[in-house]
Structure formats: structure tokens, C-alpha cells
Amino acid sequence: MTKAGEAATGADYGFMLLAGVFVFLMQSGFALLEAGTVRYKNYQNVLLKNCLDACIGGIVWWAFGYAIAYGEGNGFFGEKFYFGIGFEEKENNA
């Protein structure tokens, strides 16, 4: 890989990491906004719901989302890496 290709790959990874951080920051902002719009007795339920949204979303992304987005397939829909199976193989980590 050329130096320009390595730089582009690094920039892609950095952008994806930054976008993921922004998503979790938005999740906490939505939690605070939603907690401010409900009565005092209900704010704990709202915060738990938002925490579970993030946790379940991460598990679903691990199980299906990564495979659909990055798995080898027909160019539109990935057909590999569901539930992380096959990701640890050496040829996939080059």
C-alpha cells in the first residue's frame, strides 16, 4: 500500500471513530433532554431506557450491523462476519 493509501485508510478510521464518539455524546444529550421533559418521579425510567438503547444498539450492531456494512458480499449487503464469526481469521485482519 502506498503512503497516500495508508493516510486515506487512517483518515477513514479516524472519521469513523469520531462519528462513533459523536453518536454516544448525542445519546447522552438526548437522555438529558428527555429527563428534563418528564416529571421527577419518571426521570430514572427515562435514563434507564436511554442506557438500554445504547447497550442493545451496540449488541445488535455487533451481531448484524457490521456484517451488513462491511462483510464481503454482493456490494450492497454483506454476507460475512455475522456475530463476529470469521473476523478473527488472519486473512481478515491484514
PDB file of N, CA and C in Angstrom:
ATOM      1  N   MET A   1       0.855  -1.183   0.000  1.00  0.00           N
ATOM      2  CA  MET A   1       0.000   0.000   0.000  1.00  0.00           C
ATOM      3  C   MET A   1       0.894   1.237   0.000  1.00  0.00           C
ATOM      4  N   THR A   2       0.521   2.224  -0.763  1.00  0.00           N
ATOM      5  CA  THR A   2       1.306   3.450  -0.836  1.00  0.00           C
ATOM      6  C   THR A   2       1.068   4.311   0.398  1.00  0.00           C
ATOM      7  N   LYS A   3       1.909   5.312   0.558  1.00  0.00           N
ATOM      8  CA  LYS A   3       1.747   6.214   1.706  1.00  0.00           C
ATOM      9  C   LYS A   3       0.430   6.973   1.637  1.00  0.00           C
ATOM     10  N   ALA A   4       0.012   7.347   0.423  1.00  0.00           N
ATOM     11  CA  ALA A   4      -1.270   8.047   0.281  1.00  0.00           C
ATOM     12  C   ALA A   4      -2.427   7.121   0.652  1.00  0.00           C
ATOM     13  N   GLY A   5      -2.332   5.859   0.277  1.00  0.00           N
ATOM     14  CA  GLY A   5      -3.370   4.893   0.632  1.00  0.00           C
ATOM     15  C   GLY A   5      -3.431   4.654   2.136  1.00  0.00           C
ATOM     16  N   GLU A   6      -2.262   4.589   2.772  1.00  0.00           N
ATOM     17  CA  GLU A   6      -2.217   4.420   4.229  1.00  0.00           C
ATOM     18  C   GLU A   6      -2.806   5.639   4.928  1.00  0.00           C
ATOM     19  N   ALA A   7      -2.507   6.827   4.410  1.00  0.00           N
ATOM     20  CA  ALA A   7      -3.052   8.047   5.014  1.00  0.00           C
ATOM     21  C   ALA A   7      -4.568   8.091   4.858  1.00  0.00           C
ATOM     22  N   ALA A   8      -5.060   7.682   3.702  1.00  0.00           N
ATOM     23  CA  ALA A   8      -6.511   7.667   3.488  1.00  0.00           C
ATOM     24  C   ALA A   8      -7.182   6.651   4.408  1.00  0.00           C
ATOM     25  N   THR A   9      -6.564   5.498   4.591  1.00  0.00           N
ATOM     26  CA  THR A   9      -7.128   4.491   5.483  1.00  0.00           C
ATOM     27  C   THR A   9      -7.141   5.010   6.918  1.00  0.00           C
ATOM     28  N   GLY A  10      -6.058   5.652   7.333  1.00  0.00           N
ATOM     29  CA  GLY A  10      -6.012   6.225   8.676  1.00  0.00           C
ATOM     30  C   GLY A  10      -7.053   7.314   8.872  1.00  0.00           C
ATOM     31  N   ALA A  11      -7.247   8.129   7.852  1.00  0.00           N
ATOM     32  CA  ALA A  11      -8.266   9.181   7.936  1.00  0.00           C
ATOM     33  C   ALA A  11      -9.665   8.572   8.016  1.00  0.00           C
ATOM     34  N   ASP A  12      -9.894   7.493   7.266  1.00  0.00           N
ATOM     35  CA  ASP A  12     -11.187   6.812   7.326  1.00  0.00           C
ATOM     36  C   ASP A  12     -11.455   6.265   8.726  1.00  0.00           C
ATOM     37  N   TYR A  13     -10.448   5.615   9.311  1.00  0.00           N
ATOM     38  CA  TYR A  13     -10.614   5.070  10.660  1.00  0.00           C
ATOM     39  C   TYR A  13     -10.841   6.185  11.680  1.00  0.00           C
ATOM     40  N   GLY A  14     -10.109   7.273  11.541  1.00  0.00           N
ATOM     41  CA  GLY A  14     -10.285   8.397  12.461  1.00  0.00           C
ATOM     42  C   GLY A  14     -11.672   9.007  12.354  1.00  0.00           C
ATOM     43  N   PHE A  15     -12.166   9.140  11.128  1.00  0.00           N
ATOM     44  CA  PHE A  15     -13.508   9.687  10.944  1.00  0.00           C
ATOM     45  C   PHE A  15     -14.561   8.767  11.545  1.00  0.00           C
ATOM     46  N   MET A  16     -14.428   7.466  11.352  1.00  0.00           N
ATOM     47  CA  MET A  16     -15.396   6.512  11.909  1.00  0.00           C
ATOM     48  C   MET A  16     -15.372   6.555  13.443  1.00  0.00           C
ATOM     49  N   LEU A  17     -14.194   6.668  14.021  1.00  0.00           N
ATOM     50  CA  LEU A  17     -14.083   6.754  15.476  1.00  0.00           C
ATOM     51  C   LEU A  17     -14.715   8.038  15.992  1.00  0.00           C
ATOM     52  N   LEU A  18     -14.448   9.140  15.331  1.00  0.00           N
ATOM     53  CA  LEU A  18     -15.027  10.417  15.727  1.00  0.00           C
ATOM     54  C   LEU A  18     -16.555  10.390  15.597  1.00  0.00           C
ATOM     55  N   ALA A  19     -17.063   9.795  14.521  1.00  0.00           N
ATOM     56  CA  ALA A  19     -18.507   9.695  14.340  1.00  0.00           C
ATOM     57  C   ALA A  19     -19.136   8.846  15.440  1.00  0.00           C
ATOM     58  N   GLY A  20     -18.468   7.768  15.839  1.00  0.00           N
ATOM     59  CA  GLY A  20     -18.980   6.939  16.931  1.00  0.00           C
ATOM     60  C   GLY A  20     -19.019   7.694  18.247  1.00  0.00           C
ATOM     61  N   VAL A  21     -17.996   8.497  18.509  1.00  0.00           N
ATOM     62  CA  VAL A  21     -17.976   9.309  19.730  1.00  0.00           C
ATOM     63  C   VAL A  21     -19.119  10.313  19.708  1.00  0.00           C
ATOM     64  N   PHE A  22     -19.356  10.932  18.563  1.00  0.00           N
ATOM     65  CA  PHE A  22     -20.465  11.881  18.452  1.00  0.00           C
ATOM     66  C   PHE A  22     -21.812  11.220  18.688  1.00  0.00           C
ATOM     67  N   VAL A  23     -21.976   9.999  18.215  1.00  0.00           N
ATOM     68  CA  VAL A  23     -23.235   9.288  18.421  1.00  0.00           C
ATOM     69  C   VAL A  23     -23.477   9.067  19.909  1.00  0.00           C
ATOM     70  N   PHE A  24     -22.462   8.652  20.648  1.00  0.00           N
ATOM     71  CA  PHE A  24     -22.657   8.437  22.074  1.00  0.00           C
ATOM     72  C   PHE A  24     -22.837   9.743  22.835  1.00  0.00           C
ATOM     73  N   LEU A  25     -22.193  10.813  22.394  1.00  0.00           N
ATOM     74  CA  LEU A  25     -22.441  12.115  23.013  1.00  0.00           C
ATOM     75  C   LEU A  25     -23.869  12.592  22.743  1.00  0.00           C
ATOM     76  N   MET A  26     -24.367  12.330  21.550  1.00  0.00           N
ATOM     77  CA  MET A  26     -25.756  12.688  21.252  1.00  0.00           C
ATOM     78  C   MET A  26     -26.712  11.867  22.101  1.00  0.00           C
ATOM     79  N   GLN A  27     -26.363  10.611  22.339  1.00  0.00           N
ATOM     80  CA  GLN A  27     -27.227   9.756  23.171  1.00  0.00           C
ATOM     81  C   GLN A  27     -27.340  10.336  24.582  1.00  0.00           C
ATOM     82  N   SER A  28     -26.233  10.813  25.145  1.00  0.00           N
ATOM     83  CA  SER A  28     -26.306  11.407  26.484  1.00  0.00           C
ATOM     84  C   SER A  28     -27.068  12.733  26.451  1.00  0.00           C
ATOM     85  N   GLY A  29     -26.930  13.493  25.380  1.00  0.00           N
ATOM     86  CA  GLY A  29     -27.691  14.730  25.253  1.00  0.00           C
ATOM     87  C   GLY A  29     -29.184  14.476  25.160  1.00  0.00           C
ATOM     88  N   PHE A  30     -29.570  13.453  24.399  1.00  0.00           N
ATOM     89  CA  PHE A  30     -30.988  13.094  24.313  1.00  0.00           C
ATOM     90  C   PHE A  30     -31.512  12.633  25.666  1.00  0.00           C
ATOM     91  N   ALA A  31     -30.680  11.912  26.416  1.00  0.00           N
ATOM     92  CA  ALA A  31     -31.100  11.447  27.739  1.00  0.00           C
ATOM     93  C   ALA A  31     -31.367  12.636  28.660  1.00  0.00           C
ATOM     94  N   LEU A  32     -30.484  13.620  28.637  1.00  0.00           N
ATOM     95  CA  LEU A  32     -30.684  14.797  29.485  1.00  0.00           C
ATOM     96  C   LEU A  32     -31.891  15.606  29.041  1.00  0.00           C
ATOM     97  N   LEU A  33     -32.070  15.752  27.738  1.00  0.00           N
ATOM     98  CA  LEU A  33     -33.229  16.466  27.219  1.00  0.00           C
ATOM     99  C   LEU A  33     -34.528  15.764  27.624  1.00  0.00           C
ATOM    100  N   GLU A  34     -34.542  14.456  27.458  1.00  0.00           N
ATOM    101  CA  GLU A  34     -35.752  13.709  27.781  1.00  0.00           C
ATOM    102  C   GLU A  34     -36.017  13.698  29.287  1.00  0.00           C
ATOM    103  N   ALA A  35     -34.954  13.606  30.091  1.00  0.00           N
ATOM    104  CA  ALA A  35     -35.136  13.632  31.543  1.00  0.00           C
ATOM    105  C   ALA A  35     -35.656  14.989  32.006  1.00  0.00           C
ATOM    106  N   GLY A  36     -35.331  16.031  31.284  1.00  0.00           N
ATOM    107  CA  GLY A  36     -35.816  17.356  31.649  1.00  0.00           C
ATOM    108  C   GLY A  36     -37.260  17.615  31.260  1.00  0.00           C
ATOM    109  N   THR A  37     -37.805  16.763  30.416  1.00  0.00           N
ATOM    110  CA  THR A  37     -39.174  16.984  29.962  1.00  0.00           C
ATOM    111  C   THR A  37     -40.192  16.093  30.671  1.00  0.00           C
ATOM    112  N   VAL A  38     -39.743  15.239  31.592  1.00  0.00           N
ATOM    113  CA  VAL A  38     -40.682  14.378  32.315  1.00  0.00           C
ATOM    114  C   VAL A  38     -40.726  14.795  33.779  1.00  0.00           C
ATOM    115  N   ARG A  39     -41.683  14.276  34.487  1.00  0.00           N
ATOM    116  CA  ARG A  39     -41.799  14.591  35.910  1.00  0.00           C
ATOM    117  C   ARG A  39     -40.674  13.939  36.690  1.00  0.00           C
ATOM    118  N   TYR A  40     -40.440  14.455  37.888  1.00  0.00           N
ATOM    119  CA  TYR A  40     -39.332  13.997  38.720  1.00  0.00           C
ATOM    120  C   TYR A  40     -39.410  12.496  38.988  1.00  0.00           C
ATOM    121  N   LYS A  41     -40.586  11.968  39.185  1.00  0.00           N
ATOM    122  CA  LYS A  41     -40.729  10.555  39.521  1.00  0.00           C
ATOM    123  C   LYS A  41     -40.411   9.626  38.343  1.00  0.00           C
ATOM    124  N   ASN A  42     -40.343  10.155  37.128  1.00  0.00           N
ATOM    125  CA  ASN A  42     -40.129   9.317  35.944  1.00  0.00           C
ATOM    126  C   ASN A  42     -38.739   9.448  35.327  1.00  0.00           C
ATOM    127  N   TYR A  43     -37.888  10.307  35.843  1.00  0.00           N
ATOM    128  CA  TYR A  43     -36.624  10.559  35.168  1.00  0.00           C
ATOM    129  C   TYR A  43     -35.711   9.343  35.197  1.00  0.00           C
ATOM    130  N   GLN A  44     -35.762   8.518  36.256  1.00  0.00           N
ATOM    131  CA  GLN A  44     -34.914   7.331  36.306  1.00  0.00           C
ATOM    132  C   GLN A  44     -35.306   6.329  35.227  1.00  0.00           C
ATOM    133  N   ASN A  45     -36.592   6.198  34.967  1.00  0.00           N
ATOM    134  CA  ASN A  45     -37.034   5.300  33.903  1.00  0.00           C
ATOM    135  C   ASN A  45     -36.537   5.777  32.548  1.00  0.00           C
ATOM    136  N   VAL A  46     -36.553   7.072  32.329  1.00  0.00           N
ATOM    137  CA  VAL A  46     -36.088   7.638  31.062  1.00  0.00           C
ATOM    138  C   VAL A  46     -34.591   7.400  30.897  1.00  0.00           C
ATOM    139  N   LEU A  47     -33.815   7.614  31.942  1.00  0.00           N
ATOM    140  CA  LEU A  47     -32.368   7.412  31.848  1.00  0.00           C
ATOM    141  C   LEU A  47     -32.025   5.941  31.638  1.00  0.00           C
ATOM    142  N   LEU A  48     -32.747   5.043  32.287  1.00  0.00           N
ATOM    143  CA  LEU A  48     -32.526   3.612  32.077  1.00  0.00           C
ATOM    144  C   LEU A  48     -32.864   3.226  30.644  1.00  0.00           C
ATOM    145  N   LYS A  49     -33.952   3.760  30.116  1.00  0.00           N
ATOM    146  CA  LYS A  49     -34.336   3.466  28.733  1.00  0.00           C
ATOM    147  C   LYS A  49     -33.253   3.921  27.759  1.00  0.00           C
ATOM    148  N   ASN A  50     -32.698   5.091  27.980  1.00  0.00           N
ATOM    149  CA  ASN A  50     -31.647   5.593  27.098  1.00  0.00           C
ATOM    150  C   ASN A  50     -30.365   4.780  27.224  1.00  0.00           C
ATOM    151  N   CYS A  51     -30.045   4.336  28.427  1.00  0.00           N
ATOM    152  CA  CYS A  51     -28.868   3.481  28.613  1.00  0.00           C
ATOM    153  C   CYS A  51     -29.065   2.139  27.909  1.00  0.00           C
ATOM    154  N   LEU A  52     -30.247   1.565  28.052  1.00  0.00           N
ATOM    155  CA  LEU A  52     -30.533   0.302  27.381  1.00  0.00           C
ATOM    156  C   LEU A  52     -30.555   0.452  25.869  1.00  0.00           C
ATOM    157  N   ASP A  53     -31.007   1.588  25.362  1.00  0.00           N
ATOM    158  CA  ASP A  53     -30.964   1.840  23.917  1.00  0.00           C
ATOM    159  C   ASP A  53     -29.536   1.743  23.395  1.00  0.00           C
ATOM    160  N   ALA A  54     -28.595   2.353  24.094  1.00  0.00           N
ATOM    161  CA  ALA A  54     -27.198   2.330  23.664  1.00  0.00           C
ATOM    162  C   ALA A  54     -26.614   0.928  23.773  1.00  0.00           C
ATOM    163  N   CYS A  55     -26.915   0.232  24.856  1.00  0.00           N
ATOM    164  CA  CYS A  55     -26.377  -1.125  25.045  1.00  0.00           C
ATOM    165  C   CYS A  55     -26.944  -2.106  24.023  1.00  0.00           C
ATOM    166  N   ILE A  56     -28.230  -2.090  23.838  1.00  0.00           N
ATOM    167  CA  ILE A  56     -28.856  -3.006  22.877  1.00  0.00           C
ATOM    168  C   ILE A  56     -28.441  -2.642  21.457  1.00  0.00           C
ATOM    169  N   GLY A  57     -28.319  -1.360  21.168  1.00  0.00           N
ATOM    170  CA  GLY A  57     -27.848  -0.940  19.856  1.00  0.00           C
ATOM    171  C   GLY A  57     -26.443  -1.447  19.554  1.00  0.00           C
ATOM    172  N   GLY A  58     -25.563  -1.415  20.539  1.00  0.00           N
ATOM    173  CA  GLY A  58     -24.208  -1.944  20.352  1.00  0.00           C
ATOM    174  C   GLY A  58     -24.196  -3.435  20.106  1.00  0.00           C
ATOM    175  N   ILE A  59     -25.024  -4.171  20.820  1.00  0.00           N
ATOM    176  CA  ILE A  59     -25.092  -5.620  20.634  1.00  0.00           C
ATOM    177  C   ILE A  59     -25.665  -5.969  19.264  1.00  0.00           C
ATOM    178  N   VAL A  60     -26.698  -5.256  18.839  1.00  0.00           N
ATOM    179  CA  VAL A  60     -27.284  -5.513  17.523  1.00  0.00           C
ATOM    180  C   VAL A  60     -26.293  -5.149  16.418  1.00  0.00           C
ATOM    181  N   TRP A  61     -25.530  -4.072  16.601  1.00  0.00           N
ATOM    182  CA  TRP A  61     -24.516  -3.718  15.608  1.00  0.00           C
ATOM    183  C   TRP A  61     -23.466  -4.813  15.516  1.00  0.00           C
ATOM    184  N   TRP A  62     -23.025  -5.355  16.659  1.00  0.00           N
ATOM    185  CA  TRP A  62     -22.050  -6.438  16.658  1.00  0.00           C
ATOM    186  C   TRP A  62     -22.611  -7.671  15.948  1.00  0.00           C
ATOM    187  N   ALA A  63     -23.871  -7.979  16.209  1.00  0.00           N
ATOM    188  CA  ALA A  63     -24.462  -9.199  15.665  1.00  0.00           C
ATOM    189  C   ALA A  63     -24.763  -9.080  14.172  1.00  0.00           C
ATOM    190  N   PHE A  64     -25.306  -7.961  13.733  1.00  0.00           N
ATOM    191  CA  PHE A  64     -25.786  -7.847  12.359  1.00  0.00           C
ATOM    192  C   PHE A  64     -25.208  -6.665  11.590  1.00  0.00           C
ATOM    193  N   GLY A  65     -25.087  -5.516  12.224  1.00  0.00           N
ATOM    194  CA  GLY A  65     -24.742  -4.289  11.521  1.00  0.00           C
ATOM    195  C   GLY A  65     -23.386  -4.314  10.855  1.00  0.00           C
ATOM    196  N   TYR A  66     -22.359  -4.792  11.567  1.00  0.00           N
ATOM    197  CA  TYR A  66     -21.018  -4.822  10.980  1.00  0.00           C
ATOM    198  C   TYR A  66     -20.993  -5.729   9.757  1.00  0.00           C
ATOM    199  N   ALA A  67     -21.654  -6.866   9.850  1.00  0.00           N
ATOM    200  CA  ALA A  67     -21.669  -7.802   8.722  1.00  0.00           C
ATOM    201  C   ALA A  67     -22.378  -7.198   7.518  1.00  0.00           C
ATOM    202  N   ILE A  68     -23.476  -6.504   7.756  1.00  0.00           N
ATOM    203  CA  ILE A  68     -24.205  -5.893   6.644  1.00  0.00           C
ATOM    204  C   ILE A  68     -23.387  -4.754   6.031  1.00  0.00           C
ATOM    205  N   ALA A  69     -22.724  -3.972   6.852  1.00  0.00           N
ATOM    206  CA  ALA A  69     -21.987  -2.811   6.349  1.00  0.00           C
ATOM    207  C   ALA A  69     -20.639  -3.171   5.736  1.00  0.00           C
ATOM    208  N   TYR A  70     -19.912  -4.118   6.341  1.00  0.00           N
ATOM    209  CA  TYR A  70     -18.535  -4.369   5.922  1.00  0.00           C
ATOM    210  C   TYR A  70     -18.255  -5.793   5.493  1.00  0.00           C
ATOM    211  N   GLY A  71     -19.200  -6.700   5.622  1.00  0.00           N
ATOM    212  CA  GLY A  71     -18.975  -8.078   5.217  1.00  0.00           C
ATOM    213  C   GLY A  71     -18.910  -8.222   3.711  1.00  0.00           C
ATOM    214  N   GLU A  72     -18.092  -9.155   3.268  1.00  0.00           N
ATOM    215  CA  GLU A  72     -17.977  -9.389   1.833  1.00  0.00           C
ATOM    216  C   GLU A  72     -19.285  -9.959   1.322  1.00  0.00           C
ATOM    217  N   GLY A  73     -19.735  -9.468   0.207  1.00  0.00           N
ATOM    218  CA  GLY A  73     -20.998  -9.931  -0.341  1.00  0.00           C
ATOM    219  C   GLY A  73     -21.193  -9.429  -1.747  1.00  0.00           C
ATOM    220  N   ASN A  74     -22.383  -8.982  -2.055  1.00  0.00           N
ATOM    221  CA  ASN A  74     -22.703  -8.562  -3.412  1.00  0.00           C
ATOM    222  C   ASN A  74     -22.509  -7.069  -3.642  1.00  0.00           C
ATOM    223  N   GLY A  75     -21.844  -6.378  -2.752  1.00  0.00           N
ATOM    224  CA  GLY A  75     -21.611  -4.943  -2.905  1.00  0.00           C
ATOM    225  C   GLY A  75     -22.677  -4.081  -2.258  1.00  0.00           C
ATOM    226  N   PHE A  76     -23.798  -4.653  -1.943  1.00  0.00           N
ATOM    227  CA  PHE A  76     -24.879  -3.908  -1.298  1.00  0.00           C
ATOM    228  C   PHE A  76     -25.154  -4.445   0.100  1.00  0.00           C
ATOM    229  N   PHE A  77     -25.046  -5.734   0.273  1.00  0.00           N
ATOM    230  CA  PHE A  77     -25.412  -6.395   1.522  1.00  0.00           C
ATOM    231  C   PHE A  77     -24.341  -7.419   1.851  1.00  0.00           C
ATOM    232  N   GLY A  78     -23.704  -7.264   3.020  1.00  0.00           N
ATOM    233  CA  GLY A  78     -22.655  -8.185   3.407  1.00  0.00           C
ATOM    234  C   GLY A  78     -23.174  -9.564   3.764  1.00  0.00           C
ATOM    235  N   GLU A  79     -22.354 -10.567   3.471  1.00  0.00           N
ATOM    236  CA  GLU A  79     -22.748 -11.945   3.745  1.00  0.00           C
ATOM    237  C   GLU A  79     -21.748 -12.646   4.650  1.00  0.00           C
ATOM    238  N   LYS A  80     -20.904 -11.900   5.343  1.00  0.00           N
ATOM    239  CA  LYS A  80     -19.860 -12.481   6.171  1.00  0.00           C
ATOM    240  C   LYS A  80     -19.754 -11.679   7.470  1.00  0.00           C
ATOM    241  N   PHE A  81     -19.247 -12.279   8.511  1.00  0.00           N
ATOM    242  CA  PHE A  81     -18.965 -11.666   9.812  1.00  0.00           C
ATOM    243  C   PHE A  81     -20.193 -11.503  10.704  1.00  0.00           C
ATOM    244  N   TYR A  82     -21.285 -12.217  10.459  1.00  0.00           N
ATOM    245  CA  TYR A  82     -22.427 -12.140  11.372  1.00  0.00           C
ATOM    246  C   TYR A  82     -22.015 -12.696  12.728  1.00  0.00           C
ATOM    247  N   PHE A  83     -22.349 -12.004  13.785  1.00  0.00           N
ATOM    248  CA  PHE A  83     -21.985 -12.323  15.164  1.00  0.00           C
ATOM    249  C   PHE A  83     -20.465 -12.406  15.336  1.00  0.00           C
ATOM    250  N   GLY A  84     -19.719 -11.738  14.481  1.00  0.00           N
ATOM    251  CA  GLY A  84     -18.266 -11.721  14.580  1.00  0.00           C
ATOM    252  C   GLY A  84     -17.599 -13.003  14.126  1.00  0.00           C
ATOM    253  N   ILE A  85     -18.340 -13.935  13.552  1.00  0.00           N
ATOM    254  CA  ILE A  85     -17.775 -15.217  13.142  1.00  0.00           C
ATOM    255  C   ILE A  85     -16.902 -15.006  11.912  1.00  0.00           C
ATOM    256  N   GLY A  86     -15.673 -15.464  11.985  1.00  0.00           N
ATOM    257  CA  GLY A  86     -14.732 -15.350  10.884  1.00  0.00           C
ATOM    258  C   GLY A  86     -13.913 -14.077  10.901  1.00  0.00           C
ATOM    259  N   PHE A  87     -14.204 -13.160  11.784  1.00  0.00           N
ATOM    260  CA  PHE A  87     -13.469 -11.899  11.800  1.00  0.00           C
ATOM    261  C   PHE A  87     -12.054 -12.070  12.334  1.00  0.00           C
ATOM    262  N   GLU A  88     -11.845 -13.043  13.211  1.00  0.00           N
ATOM    263  CA  GLU A  88     -10.542 -13.211  13.828  1.00  0.00           C
ATOM    264  C   GLU A  88      -9.559 -13.981  12.957  1.00  0.00           C
ATOM    265  N   GLU A  89      -9.985 -14.466  11.797  1.00  0.00           N
ATOM    266  CA  GLU A  89      -9.086 -15.192  10.919  1.00  0.00           C
ATOM    267  C   GLU A  89      -8.010 -14.260  10.381  1.00  0.00           C
ATOM    268  N   LYS A  90      -6.827 -14.800  10.173  1.00  0.00           N
ATOM    269  CA  LYS A  90      -5.675 -13.983   9.826  1.00  0.00           C
ATOM    270  C   LYS A  90      -5.863 -13.193   8.541  1.00  0.00           C
ATOM    271  N   GLU A  91      -6.459 -13.784   7.507  1.00  0.00           N
ATOM    272  CA  GLU A  91      -6.612 -13.064   6.237  1.00  0.00           C
ATOM    273  C   GLU A  91      -7.585 -11.898   6.334  1.00  0.00           C
ATOM    274  N   ASN A  92      -8.436 -11.864   7.368  1.00  0.00           N
ATOM    275  CA  ASN A  92      -9.380 -10.763   7.532  1.00  0.00           C
ATOM    276  C   ASN A  92      -8.792  -9.611   8.332  1.00  0.00           C
ATOM    277  N   ASN A  93      -7.637  -9.799   8.948  1.00  0.00           N
ATOM    278  CA  ASN A  93      -7.034  -8.773   9.798  1.00  0.00           C
ATOM    279  C   ASN A  93      -5.794  -8.145   9.167  1.00  0.00           C
ATOM    280  N   ALA A  94      -5.631  -8.280   7.889  1.00  0.00           N
ATOM    281  CA  ALA A  94      -4.429  -7.743   7.222  1.00  0.00           C
ATOM    282  C   ALA A  94      -4.461  -6.240   7.139  1.00  0.00           C
TER     283      ALA A  94
END
